[in-house]
C-alpha atoms as a PDB file:
ATOM      1  CA  MET A   1      15.075 -28.963  40.470  1.00  0.00           C
ATOM      2  CA  LYS A   2      12.689 -27.400  37.955  1.00  0.00           C
ATOM      3  CA  ILE A   3      11.732 -28.322  34.570  1.00  0.00           C
ATOM      4  CA  LYS A   4      12.978 -24.824  32.988  1.00  0.00           C
ATOM      5  CA  ASP A   5      16.305 -25.075  34.647  1.00  0.00           C
ATOM      6  CA  LEU A   6      16.828 -28.001  32.550  1.00  0.00           C
ATOM      7  CA  PRO A   7      19.013 -27.811  29.280  1.00  0.00           C
ATOM      8  CA  LYS A   8      16.431 -27.450  26.371  1.00  0.00           C
ATOM      9  CA  ILE A   9      17.870 -30.641  24.779  1.00  0.00           C
ATOM     10  CA  GLU A  10      17.246 -32.454  28.199  1.00  0.00           C
ATOM     11  CA  ARG A  11      13.769 -30.862  28.292  1.00  0.00           C
ATOM     12  CA  PRO A  12      11.104 -33.934  27.081  1.00  0.00           C
ATOM     13  CA  ARG A  13       9.391 -31.259  25.070  1.00  0.00           C
ATOM     14  CA  GLU A  14      12.158 -30.013  23.217  1.00  0.00           C
ATOM     15  CA  LYS A  15      13.435 -33.477  22.967  1.00  0.00           C
ATOM     16  CA  LEU A  16      10.928 -34.656  21.293  1.00  0.00           C
ATOM     17  CA  ILE A  17      11.079 -32.559  18.738  1.00  0.00           C
ATOM     18  CA  SER A  18      14.853 -32.495  17.898  1.00  0.00           C
ATOM     19  CA  LYS A  19      15.161 -36.063  18.782  1.00  0.00           C
ATOM     20  CA  GLY A  20      11.674 -38.144  18.079  1.00  0.00           C
ATOM     21  CA  PRO A  21       9.350 -39.777  20.727  1.00  0.00           C
ATOM     22  CA  GLU A  22      10.950 -43.224  19.900  1.00  0.00           C
ATOM     23  CA  ASN A  23      14.679 -41.343  21.954  1.00  0.00           C
ATOM     24  CA  LEU A  24      12.486 -40.558  24.680  1.00  0.00           C
ATOM     25  CA  LYS A  25      12.401 -42.566  28.081  1.00  0.00           C
ATOM     26  CA  ASP A  26       9.316 -43.687  28.871  1.00  0.00           C
ATOM     27  CA  GLU A  27       9.207 -41.328  32.040  1.00  0.00           C
ATOM     28  CA  GLU A  28       9.771 -38.005  29.565  1.00  0.00           C
ATOM     29  CA  LEU A  29       6.646 -39.586  27.686  1.00  0.00           C
ATOM     30  CA  LEU A  30       4.850 -39.538  30.549  1.00  0.00           C
ATOM     31  CA  ALA A  31       5.859 -36.614  31.731  1.00  0.00           C
ATOM     32  CA  ILE A  32       4.880 -34.720  28.517  1.00  0.00           C
ATOM     33  CA  LEU A  33       1.428 -35.934  29.170  1.00  0.00           C
ATOM     34  CA  LEU A  34       1.757 -34.697  32.929  1.00  0.00           C
ATOM     35  CA  ARG A  35       2.548 -31.298  31.629  1.00  0.00           C
ATOM     36  CA  THR A  36       2.905 -30.455  35.272  1.00  0.00           C
ATOM     37  CA  GLY A  37       4.475 -31.551  38.334  1.00  0.00           C
ATOM     38  CA  ARG A  38       3.050 -31.523  42.058  1.00  0.00           C
ATOM     39  CA  GLU A  39       4.985 -29.364  45.184  1.00  0.00           C
ATOM     40  CA  GLY A  40       8.185 -30.745  45.536  1.00  0.00           C
ATOM     41  CA  LYS A  41       8.551 -32.769  42.510  1.00  0.00           C
ATOM     42  CA  ASN A  42       8.831 -31.832  38.982  1.00  0.00           C
ATOM     43  CA  VAL A  43       7.324 -33.398  36.317  1.00  0.00           C
ATOM     44  CA  LEU A  44      10.028 -35.714  35.469  1.00  0.00           C
ATOM     45  CA  ASP A  45      10.413 -37.123  38.988  1.00  0.00           C
ATOM     46  CA  LEU A  46       6.415 -37.414  39.230  1.00  0.00           C
ATOM     47  CA  ALA A  47       6.523 -39.399  36.012  1.00  0.00           C
ATOM     48  CA  LYS A  48       9.508 -41.633  37.279  1.00  0.00           C
ATOM     49  CA  GLN A  49       7.787 -42.089  40.691  1.00  0.00           C
ATOM     50  CA  ILE A  50       4.547 -43.544  39.190  1.00  0.00           C
ATOM     51  CA  LEU A  51       6.309 -45.608  36.483  1.00  0.00           C
ATOM     52  CA  ASN A  52       8.324 -47.190  39.524  1.00  0.00           C
ATOM     53  CA  LYS A  53       4.950 -47.814  40.919  1.00  0.00           C
ATOM     54  CA  TYR A  54       2.949 -48.794  37.944  1.00  0.00           C
ATOM     55  CA  SER A  55       4.473 -51.095  34.952  1.00  0.00           C
ATOM     56  CA  LYS A  56       3.132 -49.376  31.633  1.00  0.00           C
ATOM     57  CA  LYS A  57       1.024 -51.953  30.837  1.00  0.00           C
ATOM     58  CA  ARG A  58      -0.921 -51.702  34.396  1.00  0.00           C
ATOM     59  CA  LEU A  59      -0.960 -48.292  33.647  1.00  0.00           C
ATOM     60  CA  LEU A  60      -2.184 -48.544  30.615  1.00  0.00           C
ATOM     61  CA  ASN A  61      -5.465 -50.485  31.969  1.00  0.00           C
ATOM     62  CA  LEU A  62      -6.106 -48.046  35.113  1.00  0.00           C
ATOM     63  CA  ASN A  63      -9.262 -46.525  35.137  1.00  0.00           C
ATOM     64  CA  TYR A  64     -10.283 -42.661  35.651  1.00  0.00           C
ATOM     65  CA  GLN A  65     -11.038 -43.187  39.114  1.00  0.00           C
ATOM     66  CA  ASP A  66      -7.592 -45.221  40.133  1.00  0.00           C
ATOM     67  CA  LEU A  67      -5.860 -42.237  38.142  1.00  0.00           C
ATOM     68  CA  ILE A  68      -7.045 -39.564  40.235  1.00  0.00           C
ATOM     69  CA  LYS A  69      -5.882 -41.365  43.624  1.00  0.00           C
ATOM     70  CA  ILE A  70      -2.655 -40.955  42.009  1.00  0.00           C
ATOM     71  CA  LYS A  71      -0.909 -37.973  44.276  1.00  0.00           C
ATOM     72  CA  GLY A  72      -0.221 -35.638  41.620  1.00  0.00           C
ATOM     73  CA  ILE A  73      -2.780 -36.552  39.028  1.00  0.00           C
ATOM     74  CA  ASN A  74      -5.601 -34.357  38.598  1.00  0.00           C
ATOM     75  CA  SER A  75      -8.822 -34.424  36.430  1.00  0.00           C
ATOM     76  CA  GLY A  76      -7.191 -32.791  33.367  1.00  0.00           C
ATOM     77  CA  LYS A  77      -3.476 -35.252  33.807  1.00  0.00           C
ATOM     78  CA  ALA A  78      -6.412 -38.268  34.488  1.00  0.00           C
ATOM     79  CA  THR A  79      -8.385 -37.414  31.055  1.00  0.00           C
ATOM     80  CA  THR A  80      -5.075 -36.538  28.880  1.00  0.00           C
ATOM     81  CA  ILE A  81      -3.785 -39.875  29.839  1.00  0.00           C
ATOM     82  CA  LEU A  82      -6.831 -42.069  28.898  1.00  0.00           C
ATOM     83  CA  ALA A  83      -7.217 -40.222  25.363  1.00  0.00           C
ATOM     84  CA  SER A  84      -3.787 -40.698  24.784  1.00  0.00           C
ATOM     85  CA  GLN A  85      -4.040 -44.192  25.953  1.00  0.00           C
ATOM     86  CA  GLU A  86      -8.016 -44.868  23.879  1.00  0.00           C
ATOM     87  CA  LEU A  87      -6.243 -43.269  20.422  1.00  0.00           C
ATOM     88  CA  VAL A  88      -2.946 -45.420  20.094  1.00  0.00           C
ATOM     89  CA  LYS A  89      -5.349 -48.466  21.579  1.00  0.00           C
ATOM     90  CA  ARG A  90      -7.594 -48.214  18.313  1.00  0.00           C
ATOM     91  CA  ALA A  91      -5.086 -47.573  15.739  1.00  0.00           C
ATOM     92  CA  LEU A  92      -3.273 -50.239  17.258  1.00  0.00           C
ATOM     93  CA  LYS A  93      -6.390 -52.321  16.985  1.00  0.00           C
ATOM     94  CA  VAL A  94      -5.405 -53.449  20.536  1.00  0.00           C
ATOM     95  CA  ARG A  95      -8.891 -53.867  21.817  1.00  0.00           C
ATOM     96  CA  ASP A  96     -10.176 -57.828  22.111  1.00  0.00           C
ATOM     97  CA  GLU A  97     -12.113 -58.285  18.520  1.00  0.00           C
ATOM     98  CA  THR A  98     -14.016 -60.739  20.185  1.00  0.00           C
ATOM     99  CA  LEU A  99     -16.333 -58.651  22.262  1.00  0.00           C
ATOM    100  CA  PRO A 100     -19.739 -59.716  20.832  1.00  0.00           C
ATOM    101  CA  ILE A 101     -21.813 -56.248  19.589  1.00  0.00           C
ATOM    102  CA  ILE A 102     -25.111 -55.715  20.421  1.00  0.00           C
ATOM    103  CA  LYS A 103     -27.227 -53.962  18.059  1.00  0.00           C
ATOM    104  CA  SER A 104     -30.556 -55.813  17.760  1.00  0.00           C
ATOM    105  CA  ILE A 105     -33.157 -57.875  19.965  1.00  0.00           C
ATOM    106  CA  GLU A 106     -31.470 -60.937  17.915  1.00  0.00           C
ATOM    107  CA  ASP A 107     -28.041 -59.995  19.897  1.00  0.00           C
ATOM    108  CA  VAL A 108     -29.414 -59.897  23.465  1.00  0.00           C
ATOM    109  CA  LEU A 109     -31.479 -63.441  22.813  1.00  0.00           C
ATOM    110  CA  ALA A 110     -28.162 -64.447  22.091  1.00  0.00           C
ATOM    111  CA  GLN A 111     -26.688 -63.892  24.766  1.00  0.00           C
ATOM    112  CA  ALA A 112     -29.920 -64.599  27.443  1.00  0.00           C
ATOM    113  CA  VAL A 113     -31.165 -67.339  25.584  1.00  0.00           C
ATOM    114  CA  TYR A 114     -30.722 -69.849  28.479  1.00  0.00           C
ATOM    115  CA  MET A 115     -33.431 -67.962  30.138  1.00  0.00           C
ATOM    116  CA  ARG A 116     -36.172 -68.965  28.185  1.00  0.00           C
ATOM    117  CA  ASP A 117     -36.734 -72.311  29.832  1.00  0.00           C
ATOM    118  CA  LYS A 118     -36.628 -71.454  33.442  1.00  0.00           C
ATOM    119  CA  THR A 119     -39.424 -72.114  35.925  1.00  0.00           C
ATOM    120  CA  ARG A 120     -38.382 -68.970  38.043  1.00  0.00           C
ATOM    121  CA  GLU A 121     -37.710 -65.397  36.871  1.00  0.00           C
ATOM    122  CA  HIS A 122     -34.219 -64.139  36.102  1.00  0.00           C
ATOM    123  CA  LEU A 123     -33.023 -60.681  35.662  1.00  0.00           C
ATOM    124  CA  MET A 124     -30.077 -60.283  33.918  1.00  0.00           C
ATOM    125  CA  ALA A 125     -27.968 -56.902  33.213  1.00  0.00           C
ATOM    126  CA  ILE A 126     -26.052 -56.767  30.006  1.00  0.00           C
ATOM    127  CA  TYR A 127     -23.351 -53.789  30.174  1.00  0.00           C
ATOM    128  CA  LEU A 128     -22.094 -52.143  26.806  1.00  0.00           C
ATOM    129  CA  ASN A 129     -19.223 -49.571  26.103  1.00  0.00           C
ATOM    130  CA  ALA A 130     -19.558 -46.859  23.612  1.00  0.00           C
ATOM    131  CA  ARG A 131     -18.934 -48.798  20.355  1.00  0.00           C
ATOM    132  CA  ASN A 132     -22.486 -50.801  21.840  1.00  0.00           C
ATOM    133  CA  GLU A 133     -19.750 -53.906  22.354  1.00  0.00           C
ATOM    134  CA  MET A 134     -20.421 -56.171  25.246  1.00  0.00           C
ATOM    135  CA  VAL A 135     -18.049 -55.980  28.266  1.00  0.00           C
ATOM    136  CA  TYR A 136     -19.935 -58.196  30.926  1.00  0.00           C
ATOM    137  CA  LYS A 137     -22.888 -59.599  31.456  1.00  0.00           C
ATOM    138  CA  LYS A 138     -24.250 -60.473  35.312  1.00  0.00           C
ATOM    139  CA  PRO A 139     -27.535 -61.957  36.408  1.00  0.00           C
ATOM    140  CA  MET A 140     -28.729 -59.999  38.764  1.00  0.00           C
ATOM    141  CA  PHE A 141     -31.896 -61.756  40.131  1.00  0.00           C
ATOM    142  CA  VAL A 142     -33.844 -64.790  40.683  1.00  0.00           C
ATOM    143  CA  GLY A 143     -37.628 -65.320  41.845  1.00  0.00           C
ATOM    144  CA  THR A 144     -40.826 -62.954  41.344  1.00  0.00           C
ATOM    145  CA  LEU A 145     -39.401 -59.949  40.409  1.00  0.00           C
ATOM    146  CA  ASN A 146     -40.861 -56.751  42.385  1.00  0.00           C
ATOM    147  CA  ALA A 147     -40.361 -53.232  42.701  1.00  0.00           C
ATOM    148  CA  ASN A 148     -39.012 -53.554  46.495  1.00  0.00           C
ATOM    149  CA  LEU A 149     -36.652 -56.051  45.603  1.00  0.00           C
ATOM    150  CA  VAL A 150     -34.743 -55.068  42.699  1.00  0.00           C
ATOM    151  CA  HIS A 151     -32.533 -51.860  43.583  1.00  0.00           C
ATOM    152  CA  PRO A 152     -30.911 -49.996  40.546  1.00  0.00           C
ATOM    153  CA  ARG A 153     -28.042 -49.476  42.986  1.00  0.00           C
ATOM    154  CA  GLU A 154     -26.833 -53.533  42.694  1.00  0.00           C
ATOM    155  CA  ILE A 155     -27.198 -52.913  38.582  1.00  0.00           C
ATOM    156  CA  PHE A 156     -24.979 -49.799  38.566  1.00  0.00           C
ATOM    157  CA  ASN A 157     -22.569 -50.287  40.736  1.00  0.00           C
ATOM    158  CA  GLU A 158     -21.615 -53.092  38.581  1.00  0.00           C
ATOM    159  CA  ALA A 159     -21.560 -50.877  35.550  1.00  0.00           C
ATOM    160  CA  LEU A 160     -19.646 -48.521  37.053  1.00  0.00           C
ATOM    161  CA  LYS A 161     -16.743 -51.953  38.219  1.00  0.00           C
ATOM    162  CA  GLN A 162     -17.227 -52.250  33.942  1.00  0.00           C
ATOM    163  CA  ASN A 163     -16.505 -48.764  32.979  1.00  0.00           C
ATOM    164  CA  ALA A 164     -20.096 -49.460  30.874  1.00  0.00           C
ATOM    165  CA  ALA A 165     -21.571 -46.704  29.009  1.00  0.00           C
ATOM    166  CA  SER A 166     -25.263 -47.740  28.601  1.00  0.00           C
ATOM    167  CA  VAL A 167     -26.818 -51.163  30.060  1.00  0.00           C
ATOM    168  CA  ILE A 168     -30.007 -53.636  28.909  1.00  0.00           C
ATOM    169  CA  LEU A 169     -31.939 -55.295  30.958  1.00  0.00           C
ATOM    170  CA  VAL A 170     -33.428 -58.398  30.432  1.00  0.00           C
ATOM    171  CA  HIS A 171     -35.274 -61.114  32.375  1.00  0.00           C
ATOM    172  CA  ASN A 172     -38.145 -63.948  31.463  1.00  0.00           C
ATOM    173  CA  HIS A 173     -41.655 -64.868  32.246  1.00  0.00           C
ATOM    174  CA  PRO A 174     -41.984 -68.260  32.784  1.00  0.00           C
ATOM    175  CA  SER A 175     -45.893 -68.100  31.940  1.00  0.00           C
ATOM    176  CA  GLY A 176     -45.137 -67.196  28.023  1.00  0.00           C
ATOM    177  CA  ASP A 177     -46.579 -64.226  28.559  1.00  0.00           C
ATOM    178  CA  SER A 178     -44.621 -61.251  27.429  1.00  0.00           C
ATOM    179  CA  GLU A 179     -46.695 -58.627  28.018  1.00  0.00           C
ATOM    180  CA  PRO A 180     -44.727 -56.727  31.052  1.00  0.00           C
ATOM    181  CA  SER A 181     -46.620 -56.638  34.565  1.00  0.00           C
ATOM    182  CA  GLN A 182     -47.023 -53.260  37.026  1.00  0.00           C
ATOM    183  CA  ASP A 183     -43.672 -54.312  38.826  1.00  0.00           C
ATOM    184  CA  ASP A 184     -41.631 -54.774  35.555  1.00  0.00           C
ATOM    185  CA  LEU A 185     -42.806 -50.839  35.057  1.00  0.00           C
ATOM    186  CA  GLU A 186     -41.845 -49.993  38.133  1.00  0.00           C
ATOM    187  CA  ILE A 187     -39.036 -51.283  38.152  1.00  0.00           C
ATOM    188  CA  THR A 188     -37.565 -50.167  34.597  1.00  0.00           C
ATOM    189  CA  LYS A 189     -38.647 -46.764  35.330  1.00  0.00           C
ATOM    190  CA  ARG A 190     -36.689 -46.399  38.713  1.00  0.00           C
ATOM    191  CA  ILE A 191     -33.590 -47.558  37.344  1.00  0.00           C
ATOM    192  CA  ILE A 192     -33.743 -45.299  33.973  1.00  0.00           C
ATOM    193  CA  GLU A 193     -34.355 -42.415  36.384  1.00  0.00           C
ATOM    194  CA  ALA A 194     -31.014 -43.839  38.324  1.00  0.00           C
ATOM    195  CA  GLY A 195     -29.856 -43.735  35.081  1.00  0.00           C
ATOM    196  CA  LYS A 196     -30.053 -40.695  33.979  1.00  0.00           C
ATOM    197  CA  ILE A 197     -28.248 -39.760  37.474  1.00  0.00           C
ATOM    198  CA  MET A 198     -25.401 -41.982  37.223  1.00  0.00           C
ATOM    199  CA  GLY A 199     -25.254 -40.756  33.216  1.00  0.00           C
ATOM    200  CA  ILE A 200     -25.655 -44.747  32.143  1.00  0.00           C
ATOM    201  CA  ASP A 201     -28.063 -44.966  29.367  1.00  0.00           C
ATOM    202  CA  VAL A 202     -30.824 -47.734  29.573  1.00  0.00           C
ATOM    203  CA  LEU A 203     -30.732 -48.754  25.842  1.00  0.00           C
ATOM    204  CA  ASP A 204     -33.360 -51.294  26.566  1.00  0.00           C
ATOM    205  CA  HIS A 205     -35.362 -54.016  28.680  1.00  0.00           C
ATOM    206  CA  ILE A 206     -36.416 -57.246  27.056  1.00  0.00           C
ATOM    207  CA  ILE A 207     -38.809 -59.741  28.463  1.00  0.00           C
ATOM    208  CA  ILE A 208     -37.981 -63.434  27.069  1.00  0.00           C
ATOM    209  CA  THR A 209     -40.309 -66.114  26.695  1.00  0.00           C
ATOM    210  CA  LYS A 210     -40.910 -69.455  24.508  1.00  0.00           C
ATOM    211  CA  THR A 211     -42.160 -67.715  21.909  1.00  0.00           C
ATOM    212  CA  LYS A 212     -42.178 -63.645  21.573  1.00  0.00           C
ATOM    213  CA  PRO A 213     -40.312 -61.686  22.844  1.00  0.00           C
ATOM    214  CA  PHE A 214     -40.940 -57.738  24.492  1.00  0.00           C
ATOM    215  CA  SER A 215     -38.906 -54.673  23.668  1.00  0.00           C
ATOM    216  CA  PHE A 216     -39.874 -51.711  25.917  1.00  0.00           C
ATOM    217  CA  LYS A 217     -37.557 -49.765  23.386  1.00  0.00           C
ATOM    218  CA  GLU A 218     -39.559 -50.999  20.596  1.00  0.00           C
ATOM    219  CA  ASN A 219     -42.834 -50.330  22.135  1.00  0.00           C
ATOM    220  CA  LYS A 220     -41.737 -46.871  23.305  1.00  0.00           C
ATOM    221  CA  LEU A 221     -41.926 -47.575  26.700  1.00  0.00           C
ATOM    222  CA  ILE A 222     -38.034 -46.595  26.907  1.00  0.00           C
END
């Protein structure tokens, strides 16, 4: 049965208008977001099928790539669902308020202070969301940094997993000299170029020593 064949009072949109959203079933609310069904299923049947497979809580945690894998959800439907969920999350402040905000070099240093005393070079990536909140940080490489050994794909594979909007690179110089080496410059350039292709900004690359840090951004190298 098509939605238009239902009595008007039973159609999700009309029901919401007449009775209010609090009186709609879960599948009716989801059907309004989906707007249309797929071949062989009307939008209510599609919504029921999705909710039978995914709990509401799990559905809230699906990202874009997860959503478009669901039969009957295309890009337009996925973005509508994600946008509505994000608006509700922001309104209700259900986000983890403990996520650290990274706005300065000092904020970065606080996340990477352990690297100062390392006797070998360590490279770490700090992943941020669109609000400059750190969603994840991960050591990416240990040893002498070499442009042939540090691969942008490893950094951006993790960025995609974390749904990161941007990344900050941090590594240490055990020698105490914070000036970037030629390899540092080449690595940073390659990663920035890869980020442009992926649509993920490289906000800074910071070199840590026991004394003075070096910021690629502050020195206009980014």
